[in-house]
């Protein structure tokens, strides 16, 4: 399984330096939505890491679809307070590790 990263060039740079080559730097909202729709249907993608600011800017229906996706698992990370990772872990193992 492969890891894909979606975000600004500054966000994806660290992942690129770590050896991840499946990077996406969409510039518009439409381009961002298309990237996520493509990643949801691409075989071999196991994890999609996304900047939480980009995730928050997506249409609600697409965000819901991403949060319900098991393969690939979508993880929003960033500097803002975000419960995406917490909720993903809770759904996967059935336990809230933050309690």
PDB file of N, CA and C in Angstrom:
ATOM      1  N   UNK A   1       0.830  -1.183   0.000  1.00  0.00           N
ATOM      2  CA  UNK A   1       0.000   0.000   0.000  1.00  0.00           C
ATOM      3  C   UNK A   1       0.875   1.247   0.000  1.00  0.00           C
ATOM      4  N   UNK A   2       0.409   2.240  -0.696  1.00  0.00           N
ATOM      5  CA  UNK A   2       1.163   3.468  -0.889  1.00  0.00           C
ATOM      6  C   UNK A   2       0.557   4.609  -0.078  1.00  0.00           C
ATOM      7  N   UNK A   3       1.368   5.606   0.234  1.00  0.00           N
ATOM      8  CA  UNK A   3       0.918   6.803   0.933  1.00  0.00           C
ATOM      9  C   UNK A   3       0.871   7.945  -0.079  1.00  0.00           C
ATOM     10  N   UNK A   4      -0.229   8.706  -0.060  1.00  0.00           N
ATOM     11  CA  UNK A   4      -0.353   9.900  -0.885  1.00  0.00           C
ATOM     12  C   UNK A   4      -0.471  11.105   0.039  1.00  0.00           C
ATOM     13  N   UNK A   5       0.047  12.240  -0.398  1.00  0.00           N
ATOM     14  CA  UNK A   5       0.014  13.458   0.405  1.00  0.00           C
ATOM     15  C   UNK A   5      -0.586  14.577  -0.439  1.00  0.00           C
ATOM     16  N   UNK A   6      -1.533  15.319   0.163  1.00  0.00           N
ATOM     17  CA  UNK A   6      -2.200  16.415  -0.529  1.00  0.00           C
ATOM     18  C   UNK A   6      -2.055  17.687   0.306  1.00  0.00           C
ATOM     19  N   UNK A   7      -1.603  18.751  -0.324  1.00  0.00           N
ATOM     20  CA  UNK A   7      -1.475  20.025   0.374  1.00  0.00           C
ATOM     21  C   UNK A   7      -0.613  20.986  -0.417  1.00  0.00           C
ATOM     22  N   UNK A   8      -0.249  22.057   0.231  1.00  0.00           N
ATOM     23  CA  UNK A   8       0.602  23.060  -0.415  1.00  0.00           C
ATOM     24  C   UNK A   8       2.006  22.487  -0.609  1.00  0.00           C
ATOM     25  N   UNK A   9       2.796  23.087  -1.493  1.00  0.00           N
ATOM     26  CA  UNK A   9       4.170  22.609  -1.671  1.00  0.00           C
ATOM     27  C   UNK A   9       4.976  22.622  -0.369  1.00  0.00           C
ATOM     28  N   UNK A  10       4.707  23.600   0.486  1.00  0.00           N
ATOM     29  CA  UNK A  10       5.411  23.661   1.772  1.00  0.00           C
ATOM     30  C   UNK A  10       5.033  22.480   2.665  1.00  0.00           C
ATOM     31  N   UNK A  11       3.754  22.095   2.627  1.00  0.00           N
ATOM     32  CA  UNK A  11       3.260  20.975   3.432  1.00  0.00           C
ATOM     33  C   UNK A  11       3.827  19.647   2.940  1.00  0.00           C
ATOM     34  N   UNK A  12       3.871  19.462   1.633  1.00  0.00           N
ATOM     35  CA  UNK A  12       4.295  18.176   1.073  1.00  0.00           C
ATOM     36  C   UNK A  12       5.815  18.004   1.035  1.00  0.00           C
ATOM     37  N   UNK A  13       6.560  19.085   1.179  1.00  0.00           N
ATOM     38  CA  UNK A  13       8.019  19.010   1.080  1.00  0.00           C
ATOM     39  C   UNK A  13       8.634  18.027   2.074  1.00  0.00           C
ATOM     40  N   UNK A  14       8.204  18.070   3.312  1.00  0.00           N
ATOM     41  CA  UNK A  14       8.751  17.153   4.325  1.00  0.00           C
ATOM     42  C   UNK A  14       8.494  15.698   3.979  1.00  0.00           C
ATOM     43  N   UNK A  15       7.318  15.417   3.439  1.00  0.00           N
ATOM     44  CA  UNK A  15       6.997  14.048   3.038  1.00  0.00           C
ATOM     45  C   UNK A  15       7.841  13.623   1.845  1.00  0.00           C
ATOM     46  N   UNK A  16       8.101  14.560   0.949  1.00  0.00           N
ATOM     47  CA  UNK A  16       8.955  14.276  -0.198  1.00  0.00           C
ATOM     48  C   UNK A  16      10.366  13.938   0.267  1.00  0.00           C
ATOM     49  N   UNK A  17      10.863  14.692   1.237  1.00  0.00           N
ATOM     50  CA  UNK A  17      12.201  14.426   1.772  1.00  0.00           C
ATOM     51  C   UNK A  17      12.267  13.080   2.486  1.00  0.00           C
ATOM     52  N   UNK A  18      11.117  12.611   2.993  1.00  0.00           N
ATOM     53  CA  UNK A  18      11.056  11.310   3.657  1.00  0.00           C
ATOM     54  C   UNK A  18      10.923  10.162   2.657  1.00  0.00           C
ATOM     55  N   UNK A  19      10.821  10.486   1.372  1.00  0.00           N
ATOM     56  CA  UNK A  19      10.801   9.449   0.350  1.00  0.00           C
ATOM     57  C   UNK A  19       9.445   9.158  -0.256  1.00  0.00           C
ATOM     58  N   UNK A  20       8.428   9.909   0.112  1.00  0.00           N
ATOM     59  CA  UNK A  20       7.100   9.692  -0.472  1.00  0.00           C
ATOM     60  C   UNK A  20       7.048  10.444  -1.795  1.00  0.00           C
ATOM     61  N   UNK A  21       6.628   9.733  -2.836  1.00  0.00           N
ATOM     62  CA  UNK A  21       6.643  10.348  -4.163  1.00  0.00           C
ATOM     63  C   UNK A  21       5.251  10.678  -4.688  1.00  0.00           C
ATOM     64  N   UNK A  22       4.201  10.159  -4.055  1.00  0.00           N
ATOM     65  CA  UNK A  22       2.835  10.408  -4.514  1.00  0.00           C
ATOM     66  C   UNK A  22       2.329  11.690  -3.842  1.00  0.00           C
ATOM     67  N   UNK A  23       2.727  12.839  -4.404  1.00  0.00           N
ATOM     68  CA  UNK A  23       2.407  14.142  -3.835  1.00  0.00           C
ATOM     69  C   UNK A  23       1.476  14.901  -4.758  1.00  0.00           C
ATOM     70  N   UNK A  24       0.535  15.629  -4.163  1.00  0.00           N
ATOM     71  CA  UNK A  24      -0.425  16.407  -4.942  1.00  0.00           C
ATOM     72  C   UNK A  24      -0.490  17.808  -4.354  1.00  0.00           C
ATOM     73  N   UNK A  25      -0.316  18.818  -5.216  1.00  0.00           N
ATOM     74  CA  UNK A  25      -0.353  20.216  -4.806  1.00  0.00           C
ATOM     75  C   UNK A  25      -1.419  20.965  -5.603  1.00  0.00           C
ATOM     76  N   UNK A  26      -2.695  20.676  -5.347  1.00  0.00           N
ATOM     77  CA  UNK A  26      -3.749  21.357  -6.104  1.00  0.00           C
ATOM     78  C   UNK A  26      -3.798  22.844  -5.746  1.00  0.00           C
ATOM     79  N   UNK A  27      -4.169  23.658  -6.735  1.00  0.00           N
ATOM     80  CA  UNK A  27      -4.187  25.105  -6.525  1.00  0.00           C
ATOM     81  C   UNK A  27      -5.586  25.669  -6.350  1.00  0.00           C
ATOM     82  N   UNK A  28      -6.597  25.014  -6.917  1.00  0.00           N
ATOM     83  CA  UNK A  28      -7.972  25.513  -6.818  1.00  0.00           C
ATOM     84  C   UNK A  28      -8.828  24.502  -6.057  1.00  0.00           C
ATOM     85  N   UNK A  29     -10.010  24.950  -5.623  1.00  0.00           N
ATOM     86  CA  UNK A  29     -10.929  24.055  -4.907  1.00  0.00           C
ATOM     87  C   UNK A  29     -11.400  22.924  -5.806  1.00  0.00           C
ATOM     88  N   UNK A  30     -11.677  23.231  -7.080  1.00  0.00           N
ATOM     89  CA  UNK A  30     -12.114  22.191  -8.013  1.00  0.00           C
ATOM     90  C   UNK A  30     -11.024  21.153  -8.233  1.00  0.00           C
ATOM     91  N   UNK A  31      -9.799  21.623  -8.371  1.00  0.00           N
ATOM     92  CA  UNK A  31      -8.663  20.718  -8.559  1.00  0.00           C
ATOM     93  C   UNK A  31      -8.468  19.840  -7.312  1.00  0.00           C
ATOM     94  N   UNK A  32      -8.653  20.427  -6.130  1.00  0.00           N
ATOM     95  CA  UNK A  32      -8.520  19.681  -4.881  1.00  0.00           C
ATOM     96  C   UNK A  32      -9.575  18.594  -4.794  1.00  0.00           C
ATOM     97  N   UNK A  33     -10.816  18.924  -5.108  1.00  0.00           N
ATOM     98  CA  UNK A  33     -11.900  17.932  -5.079  1.00  0.00           C
ATOM     99  C   UNK A  33     -11.626  16.801  -6.056  1.00  0.00           C
ATOM    100  N   UNK A  34     -11.127  17.130  -7.249  1.00  0.00           N
ATOM    101  CA  UNK A  34     -10.825  16.105  -8.253  1.00  0.00           C
ATOM    102  C   UNK A  34      -9.710  15.180  -7.770  1.00  0.00           C
ATOM    103  N   UNK A  35      -8.684  15.748  -7.138  1.00  0.00           N
ATOM    104  CA  UNK A  35      -7.578  14.936  -6.621  1.00  0.00           C
ATOM    105  C   UNK A  35      -8.110  13.918  -5.608  1.00  0.00           C
ATOM    106  N   UNK A  36      -8.969  14.364  -4.688  1.00  0.00           N
ATOM    107  CA  UNK A  36      -9.502  13.441  -3.676  1.00  0.00           C
ATOM    108  C   UNK A  36     -10.405  12.383  -4.294  1.00  0.00           C
ATOM    109  N   UNK A  37     -11.224  12.762  -5.250  1.00  0.00           N
ATOM    110  CA  UNK A  37     -12.081  11.764  -5.909  1.00  0.00           C
ATOM    111  C   UNK A  37     -11.229  10.713  -6.627  1.00  0.00           C
ATOM    112  N   UNK A  38     -10.156  11.159  -7.264  1.00  0.00           N
ATOM    113  CA  UNK A  38      -9.253  10.226  -7.950  1.00  0.00           C
ATOM    114  C   UNK A  38      -8.552   9.307  -6.949  1.00  0.00           C
ATOM    115  N   UNK A  39      -8.094   9.867  -5.820  1.00  0.00           N
ATOM    116  CA  UNK A  39      -7.391   9.054  -4.821  1.00  0.00           C
ATOM    117  C   UNK A  39      -8.318   8.018  -4.190  1.00  0.00           C
ATOM    118  N   UNK A  40      -9.589   8.355  -4.022  1.00  0.00           N
ATOM    119  CA  UNK A  40     -10.535   7.398  -3.430  1.00  0.00           C
ATOM    120  C   UNK A  40     -10.740   6.175  -4.310  1.00  0.00           C
ATOM    121  N   UNK A  41     -10.546   6.323  -5.612  1.00  0.00           N
ATOM    122  CA  UNK A  41     -10.767   5.203  -6.524  1.00  0.00           C
ATOM    123  C   UNK A  41      -9.476   4.547  -7.013  1.00  0.00           C
ATOM    124  N   UNK A  42      -8.333   5.063  -6.605  1.00  0.00           N
ATOM    125  CA  UNK A  42      -7.052   4.516  -7.043  1.00  0.00           C
ATOM    126  C   UNK A  42      -6.679   3.298  -6.203  1.00  0.00           C
ATOM    127  N   UNK A  43      -6.437   2.187  -6.871  1.00  0.00           N
ATOM    128  CA  UNK A  43      -5.993   0.976  -6.179  1.00  0.00           C
ATOM    129  C   UNK A  43      -4.561   1.180  -5.705  1.00  0.00           C
ATOM    130  N   UNK A  44      -4.254   0.633  -4.536  1.00  0.00           N
ATOM    131  CA  UNK A  44      -2.900   0.700  -4.031  1.00  0.00           C
ATOM    132  C   UNK A  44      -2.628   1.848  -3.079  1.00  0.00           C
ATOM    133  N   UNK A  45      -3.556   2.795  -2.966  1.00  0.00           N
ATOM    134  CA  UNK A  45      -3.388   3.895  -2.016  1.00  0.00           C
ATOM    135  C   UNK A  45      -4.008   3.456  -0.695  1.00  0.00           C
ATOM    136  N   UNK A  46      -3.195   3.392   0.349  1.00  0.00           N
ATOM    137  CA  UNK A  46      -3.684   2.952   1.649  1.00  0.00           C
ATOM    138  C   UNK A  46      -3.943   4.085   2.616  1.00  0.00           C
ATOM    139  N   UNK A  47      -3.128   5.145   2.512  1.00  0.00           N
ATOM    140  CA  UNK A  47      -3.253   6.291   3.409  1.00  0.00           C
ATOM    141  C   UNK A  47      -3.118   7.568   2.589  1.00  0.00           C
ATOM    142  N   UNK A  48      -4.008   8.517   2.861  1.00  0.00           N
ATOM    143  CA  UNK A  48      -3.915   9.846   2.266  1.00  0.00           C
ATOM    144  C   UNK A  48      -3.710  10.832   3.410  1.00  0.00           C
ATOM    145  N   UNK A  49      -2.581  11.505   3.421  1.00  0.00           N
ATOM    146  CA  UNK A  49      -2.279  12.524   4.421  1.00  0.00           C
ATOM    147  C   UNK A  49      -2.599  13.870   3.790  1.00  0.00           C
ATOM    148  N   UNK A  50      -3.369  14.669   4.504  1.00  0.00           N
ATOM    149  CA  UNK A  50      -3.792  15.956   3.959  1.00  0.00           C
ATOM    150  C   UNK A  50      -3.642  17.041   5.012  1.00  0.00           C
ATOM    151  N   UNK A  51      -3.314  18.227   4.559  1.00  0.00           N
ATOM    152  CA  UNK A  51      -3.258  19.392   5.434  1.00  0.00           C
ATOM    153  C   UNK A  51      -4.670  19.639   5.953  1.00  0.00           C
ATOM    154  N   UNK A  52      -4.838  19.784   7.256  1.00  0.00           N
ATOM    155  CA  UNK A  52      -6.168  19.939   7.844  1.00  0.00           C
ATOM    156  C   UNK A  52      -6.880  21.180   7.320  1.00  0.00           C
ATOM    157  N   UNK A  53      -6.147  22.221   6.932  1.00  0.00           N
ATOM    158  CA  UNK A  53      -6.769  23.417   6.357  1.00  0.00           C
ATOM    159  C   UNK A  53      -7.393  23.098   5.000  1.00  0.00           C
ATOM    160  N   UNK A  54      -6.728  22.258   4.212  1.00  0.00           N
ATOM    161  CA  UNK A  54      -7.269  21.843   2.914  1.00  0.00           C
ATOM    162  C   UNK A  54      -8.499  20.975   3.140  1.00  0.00           C
ATOM    163  N   UNK A  55      -8.428  20.075   4.089  1.00  0.00           N
ATOM    164  CA  UNK A  55      -9.552  19.188   4.396  1.00  0.00           C
ATOM    165  C   UNK A  55     -10.773  19.998   4.817  1.00  0.00           C
ATOM    166  N   UNK A  56     -10.583  21.023   5.612  1.00  0.00           N
ATOM    167  CA  UNK A  56     -11.694  21.850   6.085  1.00  0.00           C
ATOM    168  C   UNK A  56     -12.334  22.655   4.956  1.00  0.00           C
ATOM    169  N   UNK A  57     -11.590  22.918   3.893  1.00  0.00           N
ATOM    170  CA  UNK A  57     -12.116  23.723   2.788  1.00  0.00           C
ATOM    171  C   UNK A  57     -12.919  22.911   1.771  1.00  0.00           C
ATOM    172  N   UNK A  58     -12.934  21.585   1.911  1.00  0.00           N
ATOM    173  CA  UNK A  58     -13.654  20.736   0.969  1.00  0.00           C
ATOM    174  C   UNK A  58     -15.156  20.818   1.192  1.00  0.00           C
ATOM    175  N   UNK A  59     -15.940  20.528   0.150  1.00  0.00           N
ATOM    176  CA  UNK A  59     -17.396  20.466   0.332  1.00  0.00           C
ATOM    177  C   UNK A  59     -17.763  19.396   1.375  1.00  0.00           C
ATOM    178  N   UNK A  60     -18.842  19.640   2.097  1.00  0.00           N
ATOM    179  CA  UNK A  60     -19.228  18.760   3.201  1.00  0.00           C
ATOM    180  C   UNK A  60     -19.461  17.313   2.759  1.00  0.00           C
ATOM    181  N   UNK A  61     -20.099  17.120   1.623  1.00  0.00           N
ATOM    182  CA  UNK A  61     -20.359  15.746   1.147  1.00  0.00           C
ATOM    183  C   UNK A  61     -19.053  14.987   0.904  1.00  0.00           C
ATOM    184  N   UNK A  62     -18.075  15.665   0.310  1.00  0.00           N
ATOM    185  CA  UNK A  62     -16.787  15.020   0.045  1.00  0.00           C
ATOM    186  C   UNK A  62     -16.049  14.738   1.348  1.00  0.00           C
ATOM    187  N   UNK A  63     -16.097  15.685   2.297  1.00  0.00           N
ATOM    188  CA  UNK A  63     -15.466  15.445   3.611  1.00  0.00           C
ATOM    189  C   UNK A  63     -16.084  14.242   4.304  1.00  0.00           C
ATOM    190  N   UNK A  64     -17.413  14.123   4.245  1.00  0.00           N
ATOM    191  CA  UNK A  64     -18.083  12.970   4.850  1.00  0.00           C
ATOM    192  C   UNK A  64     -17.633  11.672   4.187  1.00  0.00           C
ATOM    193  N   UNK A  65     -17.545  11.695   2.867  1.00  0.00           N
ATOM    194  CA  UNK A  65     -17.094  10.506   2.132  1.00  0.00           C
ATOM    195  C   UNK A  65     -15.664  10.127   2.513  1.00  0.00           C
ATOM    196  N   UNK A  66     -14.808  11.138   2.671  1.00  0.00           N
ATOM    197  CA  UNK A  66     -13.417  10.883   3.057  1.00  0.00           C
ATOM    198  C   UNK A  66     -13.321  10.345   4.476  1.00  0.00           C
ATOM    199  N   UNK A  67     -14.132  10.877   5.384  1.00  0.00           N
ATOM    200  CA  UNK A  67     -14.061  10.421   6.773  1.00  0.00           C
ATOM    201  C   UNK A  67     -14.597   9.003   6.937  1.00  0.00           C
ATOM    202  N   UNK A  68     -15.501   8.574   6.041  1.00  0.00           N
ATOM    203  CA  UNK A  68     -16.045   7.221   6.107  1.00  0.00           C
ATOM    204  C   UNK A  68     -15.185   6.205   5.369  1.00  0.00           C
ATOM    205  N   UNK A  69     -14.234   6.678   4.588  1.00  0.00           N
ATOM    206  CA  UNK A  69     -13.395   5.788   3.793  1.00  0.00           C
ATOM    207  C   UNK A  69     -12.453   4.982   4.690  1.00  0.00           C
ATOM    208  N   UNK A  70     -12.425   3.675   4.448  1.00  0.00           N
ATOM    209  CA  UNK A  70     -11.516   2.799   5.179  1.00  0.00           C
ATOM    210  C   UNK A  70     -10.227   2.623   4.387  1.00  0.00           C
ATOM    211  N   UNK A  71     -10.367   2.392   3.093  1.00  0.00           N
ATOM    212  CA  UNK A  71      -9.208   2.271   2.216  1.00  0.00           C
ATOM    213  C   UNK A  71      -9.430   3.169   1.023  1.00  0.00           C
ATOM    214  N   UNK A  72      -8.759   4.261   0.902  1.00  0.00           N
ATOM    215  CA  UNK A  72      -7.680   4.712   1.767  1.00  0.00           C
ATOM    216  C   UNK A  72      -8.201   5.404   3.027  1.00  0.00           C
ATOM    217  N   UNK A  73      -7.395   5.366   4.050  1.00  0.00           N
ATOM    218  CA  UNK A  73      -7.675   6.100   5.274  1.00  0.00           C
ATOM    219  C   UNK A  73      -7.142   7.516   5.085  1.00  0.00           C
ATOM    220  N   UNK A  74      -7.985   8.501   5.360  1.00  0.00           N
ATOM    221  CA  UNK A  74      -7.605   9.899   5.164  1.00  0.00           C
ATOM    222  C   UNK A  74      -7.296  10.518   6.518  1.00  0.00           C
ATOM    223  N   UNK A  75      -6.074  11.046   6.652  1.00  0.00           N
ATOM    224  CA  UNK A  75      -5.631  11.653   7.900  1.00  0.00           C
ATOM    225  C   UNK A  75      -5.337  13.126   7.687  1.00  0.00           C
ATOM    226  N   UNK A  76      -6.061  13.974   8.392  1.00  0.00           N
ATOM    227  CA  UNK A  76      -5.811  15.402   8.333  1.00  0.00           C
ATOM    228  C   UNK A  76      -4.840  15.790   9.432  1.00  0.00           C
ATOM    229  N   UNK A  77      -3.750  16.414   9.065  1.00  0.00           N
ATOM    230  CA  UNK A  77      -2.786  16.867  10.063  1.00  0.00           C
ATOM    231  C   UNK A  77      -2.440  18.322   9.787  1.00  0.00           C
ATOM    232  N   UNK A  78      -2.034  19.028  10.817  1.00  0.00           N
ATOM    233  CA  UNK A  78      -1.669  20.421  10.646  1.00  0.00           C
ATOM    234  C   UNK A  78      -1.521  21.102  11.984  1.00  0.00           C
ATOM    235  N   UNK A  79      -1.431  22.401  11.939  1.00  0.00           N
ATOM    236  CA  UNK A  79      -1.200  23.168  13.155  1.00  0.00           C
ATOM    237  C   UNK A  79      -2.498  23.482  13.890  1.00  0.00           C
ATOM    238  N   UNK A  80      -3.633  23.371  13.205  1.00  0.00           N
ATOM    239  CA  UNK A  80      -4.910  23.682  13.828  1.00  0.00           C
ATOM    240  C   UNK A  80      -5.421  22.476  14.617  1.00  0.00           C
ATOM    241  N   UNK A  81      -6.275  22.740  15.600  1.00  0.00           N
ATOM    242  CA  UNK A  81      -6.903  21.668  16.369  1.00  0.00           C
ATOM    243  C   UNK A  81      -7.790  20.864  15.432  1.00  0.00           C
ATOM    244  N   UNK A  82      -7.572  19.590  15.352  1.00  0.00           N
ATOM    245  CA  UNK A  82      -8.325  18.738  14.435  1.00  0.00           C
ATOM    246  C   UNK A  82      -8.505  17.377  15.069  1.00  0.00           C
ATOM    247  N   UNK A  83      -9.713  16.854  14.999  1.00  0.00           N
ATOM    248  CA  UNK A  83     -10.020  15.554  15.590  1.00  0.00           C
ATOM    249  C   UNK A  83     -10.060  14.434  14.561  1.00  0.00           C
ATOM    250  N   UNK A  84      -9.599  14.697  13.321  1.00  0.00           N
ATOM    251  CA  UNK A  84      -9.662  13.688  12.271  1.00  0.00           C
ATOM    252  C   UNK A  84      -8.881  12.437  12.658  1.00  0.00           C
ATOM    253  N   UNK A  85      -7.650  12.602  13.098  1.00  0.00           N
ATOM    254  CA  UNK A  85      -6.828  11.459  13.475  1.00  0.00           C
ATOM    255  C   UNK A  85      -7.448  10.726  14.651  1.00  0.00           C
ATOM    256  N   UNK A  86      -7.912  11.468  15.634  1.00  0.00           N
ATOM    257  CA  UNK A  86      -8.543  10.861  16.812  1.00  0.00           C
ATOM    258  C   UNK A  86      -9.758  10.027  16.414  1.00  0.00           C
ATOM    259  N   UNK A  87     -10.609  10.589  15.568  1.00  0.00           N
ATOM    260  CA  UNK A  87     -11.815   9.875  15.145  1.00  0.00           C
ATOM    261  C   UNK A  87     -11.471   8.657  14.284  1.00  0.00           C
ATOM    262  N   UNK A  88     -10.454   8.767  13.453  1.00  0.00           N
ATOM    263  CA  UNK A  88     -10.049   7.642  12.611  1.00  0.00           C
ATOM    264  C   UNK A  88      -9.561   6.477  13.466  1.00  0.00           C
ATOM    265  N   UNK A  89      -8.752   6.771  14.469  1.00  0.00           N
ATOM    266  CA  UNK A  89      -8.261   5.717  15.368  1.00  0.00           C
ATOM    267  C   UNK A  89      -9.415   5.108  16.152  1.00  0.00           C
ATOM    268  N   UNK A  90     -10.322   5.959  16.636  1.00  0.00           N
ATOM    269  CA  UNK A  90     -11.469   5.463  17.402  1.00  0.00           C
ATOM    270  C   UNK A  90     -12.322   4.526  16.548  1.00  0.00           C
ATOM    271  N   UNK A  91     -12.548   4.890  15.291  1.00  0.00           N
ATOM    272  CA  UNK A  91     -13.337   4.039  14.398  1.00  0.00           C
ATOM    273  C   UNK A  91     -12.614   2.723  14.104  1.00  0.00           C
ATOM    274  N   UNK A  92     -11.290   2.801  13.922  1.00  0.00           N
ATOM    275  CA  UNK A  92     -10.527   1.613  13.532  1.00  0.00           C
ATOM    276  C   UNK A  92     -10.422   0.594  14.651  1.00  0.00           C
ATOM    277  N   UNK A  93     -10.173   1.062  15.891  1.00  0.00           N
ATOM    278  CA  UNK A  93      -9.965   0.097  16.976  1.00  0.00           C
ATOM    279  C   UNK A  93     -11.076   0.092  18.007  1.00  0.00           C
ATOM    280  N   UNK A  94     -11.995   1.058  17.905  1.00  0.00           N
ATOM    281  CA  UNK A  94     -13.136   1.064  18.800  1.00  0.00           C
ATOM    282  C   UNK A  94     -12.855   1.649  20.173  1.00  0.00           C
ATOM    283  N   UNK A  95     -11.710   2.288  20.350  1.00  0.00           N
ATOM    284  CA  UNK A  95     -11.339   2.848  21.643  1.00  0.00           C
ATOM    285  C   UNK A  95     -10.818   4.263  21.424  1.00  0.00           C
ATOM    286  N   UNK A  96     -11.220   5.185  22.289  1.00  0.00           N
ATOM    287  CA  UNK A  96     -10.718   6.548  22.223  1.00  0.00           C
ATOM    288  C   UNK A  96      -9.429   6.620  23.046  1.00  0.00           C
ATOM    289  N   UNK A  97      -8.292   6.707  22.380  1.00  0.00           N
ATOM    290  CA  UNK A  97      -6.994   6.676  23.056  1.00  0.00           C
ATOM    291  C   UNK A  97      -6.688   7.975  23.796  1.00  0.00           C
ATOM    292  N   UNK A  98      -7.433   9.034  23.535  1.00  0.00           N
ATOM    293  CA  UNK A  98      -7.191  10.317  24.186  1.00  0.00           C
ATOM    294  C   UNK A  98      -7.839  10.403  25.565  1.00  0.00           C
ATOM    295  N   UNK A  99      -8.622   9.394  25.957  1.00  0.00           N
ATOM    296  CA  UNK A  99      -9.281   9.411  27.264  1.00  0.00           C
ATOM    297  C   UNK A  99      -8.436   8.706  28.294  1.00  0.00           C
TER     298      UNK A  99
END
